[in-house]
Amino acid sequence: MSRRKSPRRQLQSLCADVHPDDGLDPKEFFRQRVSNTQEQARAFPRKTLQLCSQVADTLNLVLSGDCADECLQCLQVVAVTPAPNASQLLVVVCPSSAGAAPDPATVMERLASANGRLRNEVAAAIVRRRVPRLIFQYVGCDPGGAAEA
C-alpha cells in the first residue's frame, strides 16, 4: 500500500464531503500535542534541573551563613537556571528583607569579587568533573513583594 496522499477524485468518490483532514497519515493526525510544561521539561534534562536546585541550596547556605561580607549576607537566591546549558548557570539574587535593599552596582561588584569563593563552595557540594560558571543577576524587590529588574 502506498503512503502517498490519495488523489482528490478518489477521495470524493469515497465520501460525500471532503474535509481538510481527509487523506492525512493517521500517525500524524492522531499524534498527541505537546503542552508548554512538557516543552519546558524537555528543554532541560532532569539532571540539569537537579544541579540547579543543588547550586541554589548551596549558595543560599553560603550567602546566609558563611559569608563575611554584610552586603552579601542580606541576599537570597531566587532562581538558578542553565544559561544556555549546565556549563554556565544564571543565579538570580534579591535582598532577603525588604528594608535592607543595597545598591545594585555594589551588590554586583561584591558578587564578582566573591565569585571564585562561591564557585569553590559549589564545587565542594556537587559531584561534577567541571564546576559550572556562575553568572549573577540582581533583582531588587519593591515593598509590594513584586520583583523589579
Protein backbone atom coordinates (compact mmCIF):
# COMPACT_ATOMS: atom_id res chain seq x y z
CA MET A 1 0.00 0.00 0.00
CA SER A 2 1.34 3.39 -0.99
CA ARG A 3 1.98 6.06 1.65
CA ARG A 4 1.38 8.97 -0.67
CA LYS A 5 -1.75 11.10 -0.43
CA SER A 6 -4.81 9.81 -2.22
CA PRO A 7 -5.89 11.82 -5.25
CA ARG A 8 -8.72 14.29 -4.76
CA ARG A 9 -11.09 12.48 -7.16
CA GLN A 10 -10.67 9.17 -5.39
CA LEU A 11 -11.43 10.84 -2.05
CA GLN A 12 -14.55 12.50 -3.45
CA SER A 13 -15.84 9.19 -4.76
CA LEU A 14 -15.44 7.56 -1.34
CA CYS A 15 -17.30 10.15 0.72
CA ALA A 16 -19.98 12.77 0.41
CA ASP A 17 -17.96 15.64 1.93
CA VAL A 18 -14.22 16.17 1.65
CA HIS A 19 -12.65 17.61 4.82
CA PRO A 20 -9.17 19.11 5.28
CA ASP A 21 -8.03 16.10 7.30
CA ASP A 22 -9.02 13.56 4.62
CA GLY A 23 -6.02 11.79 3.12
CA LEU A 24 -3.68 12.59 6.00
CA ASP A 25 -1.42 9.99 7.56
CA PRO A 26 -3.16 8.67 10.73
CA LYS A 27 0.16 8.67 12.58
CA GLU A 28 0.41 12.42 12.05
CA PHE A 29 -3.26 13.14 12.63
CA PHE A 30 -3.54 11.32 15.95
CA ARG A 31 -0.16 12.42 17.33
CA GLN A 32 -0.54 13.99 20.76
CA ARG A 33 0.19 17.67 21.01
CA VAL A 34 2.88 18.79 23.46
CA SER A 35 1.90 21.24 26.20
CA ASN A 36 4.09 24.13 27.43
CA THR A 37 5.07 22.37 30.65
CA GLN A 38 6.20 19.32 28.70
CA GLU A 39 8.24 21.56 26.39
CA GLN A 40 9.93 23.17 29.38
CA ALA A 41 10.67 19.78 30.89
CA ARG A 42 12.27 18.70 27.62
CA ALA A 43 14.25 21.93 27.34
CA PHE A 44 16.49 20.98 30.26
CA PRO A 45 17.08 17.40 31.31
CA ARG A 46 16.19 16.27 34.82
CA LYS A 47 19.82 16.09 35.95
CA THR A 48 20.43 19.70 34.88
CA LEU A 49 17.43 20.85 36.90
CA GLN A 50 18.69 18.83 39.87
CA LEU A 51 22.08 20.55 39.55
CA CYS A 52 20.38 23.97 39.53
CA SER A 53 18.45 23.11 42.67
CA GLN A 54 21.58 21.87 44.43
CA VAL A 55 23.53 25.00 43.46
CA ALA A 56 20.67 27.23 44.70
CA ASP A 57 20.60 25.45 48.07
CA THR A 58 24.39 25.68 48.43
CA LEU A 59 24.54 29.37 47.52
CA ASN A 60 21.70 30.19 49.93
CA LEU A 61 23.60 28.50 52.75
CA VAL A 62 26.88 30.18 51.87
CA LEU A 63 25.38 33.65 51.47
CA SER A 64 23.30 33.49 54.63
CA GLY A 65 25.81 31.88 56.99
CA ASP A 66 29.43 31.62 55.89
CA CYS A 67 29.81 34.92 54.08
CA ALA A 68 31.84 37.62 55.88
CA ASP A 69 30.55 40.40 53.62
CA GLU A 70 27.49 42.12 55.15
CA CYS A 71 26.24 43.21 51.74
CA LEU A 72 26.15 39.60 50.53
CA GLN A 73 24.66 38.28 53.78
CA CYS A 74 21.42 40.15 53.11
CA LEU A 75 20.93 38.36 49.75
CA GLN A 76 18.94 35.26 48.96
CA VAL A 77 18.95 33.13 45.82
CA VAL A 78 15.65 33.35 43.94
CA ALA A 79 16.39 31.06 41.00
CA VAL A 80 19.19 29.19 39.27
CA THR A 81 18.74 28.33 35.60
CA PRO A 82 21.03 26.91 32.92
CA ALA A 83 22.28 29.63 30.58
CA PRO A 84 22.44 28.08 27.89
CA ASN A 85 23.36 24.68 29.40
CA ALA A 86 24.73 23.16 32.61
CA SER A 87 28.25 24.51 31.98
CA GLN A 88 27.04 28.01 32.85
CA LEU A 89 24.33 28.89 35.38
CA LEU A 90 22.38 32.12 35.81
CA VAL A 91 21.90 32.86 39.52
CA VAL A 92 19.16 35.40 40.32
CA VAL A 93 19.52 37.00 43.75
CA CYS A 94 17.40 39.53 45.65
CA PRO A 95 17.53 41.10 49.12
CA SER A 96 16.27 38.76 51.82
CA SER A 97 14.44 41.57 53.65
CA ALA A 98 12.53 44.40 52.01
CA GLY A 99 14.01 47.06 54.32
CA ALA A 100 17.67 46.40 53.52
CA ALA A 101 17.93 46.87 49.75
CA PRO A 102 21.58 47.58 48.92
CA ASP A 103 22.77 49.42 45.81
CA PRO A 104 22.65 47.08 42.75
CA ALA A 105 26.06 48.23 41.48
CA THR A 106 27.65 47.48 44.87
CA VAL A 107 25.99 44.07 45.05
CA MET A 108 27.17 43.11 41.55
CA GLU A 109 30.70 44.29 42.34
CA ARG A 110 30.84 42.27 45.57
CA LEU A 111 29.37 39.19 43.86
CA ALA A 112 32.00 39.46 41.12
CA SER A 113 34.79 39.62 43.70
CA ALA A 114 33.35 36.64 45.65
CA ASN A 115 32.64 34.58 42.52
CA GLY A 116 35.72 32.36 42.94
CA ARG A 117 34.91 31.53 46.55
CA LEU A 118 31.26 30.83 45.70
CA ARG A 119 32.30 28.51 42.85
CA ASN A 120 34.64 26.74 45.28
CA GLU A 121 31.73 26.14 47.68
CA VAL A 122 29.57 24.88 44.81
CA ALA A 123 32.37 22.54 43.72
CA ALA A 124 32.51 21.05 47.21
CA ALA A 125 28.74 20.48 47.22
CA ILE A 126 28.25 18.91 43.78
CA VAL A 127 29.76 15.86 42.13
CA ARG A 128 30.85 17.03 38.71
CA ARG A 129 34.07 16.93 36.75
CA ARG A 130 33.83 20.64 35.94
CA VAL A 131 32.21 23.28 38.08
CA PRO A 132 29.73 25.45 36.14
CA ARG A 133 30.44 29.14 35.70
CA LEU A 134 28.17 31.36 37.76
CA ILE A 135 26.59 34.45 36.27
CA PHE A 136 24.78 36.64 38.78
CA GLN A 137 21.75 38.85 38.24
CA TYR A 138 20.50 41.14 40.98
CA VAL A 139 16.75 41.73 41.20
CA GLY A 140 15.56 44.34 43.67
CA CYS A 141 12.22 43.85 45.41
CA ASP A 142 9.65 46.61 45.96
CA PRO A 143 7.52 46.86 49.13
CA GLY A 144 4.57 45.19 47.36
CA GLY A 145 6.58 42.00 47.04
CA ALA A 146 6.92 42.01 43.24
CA ALA A 147 10.37 41.82 41.72
CA GLU A 148 11.79 44.55 39.58
CA ALA A 149 14.75 44.13 37.23
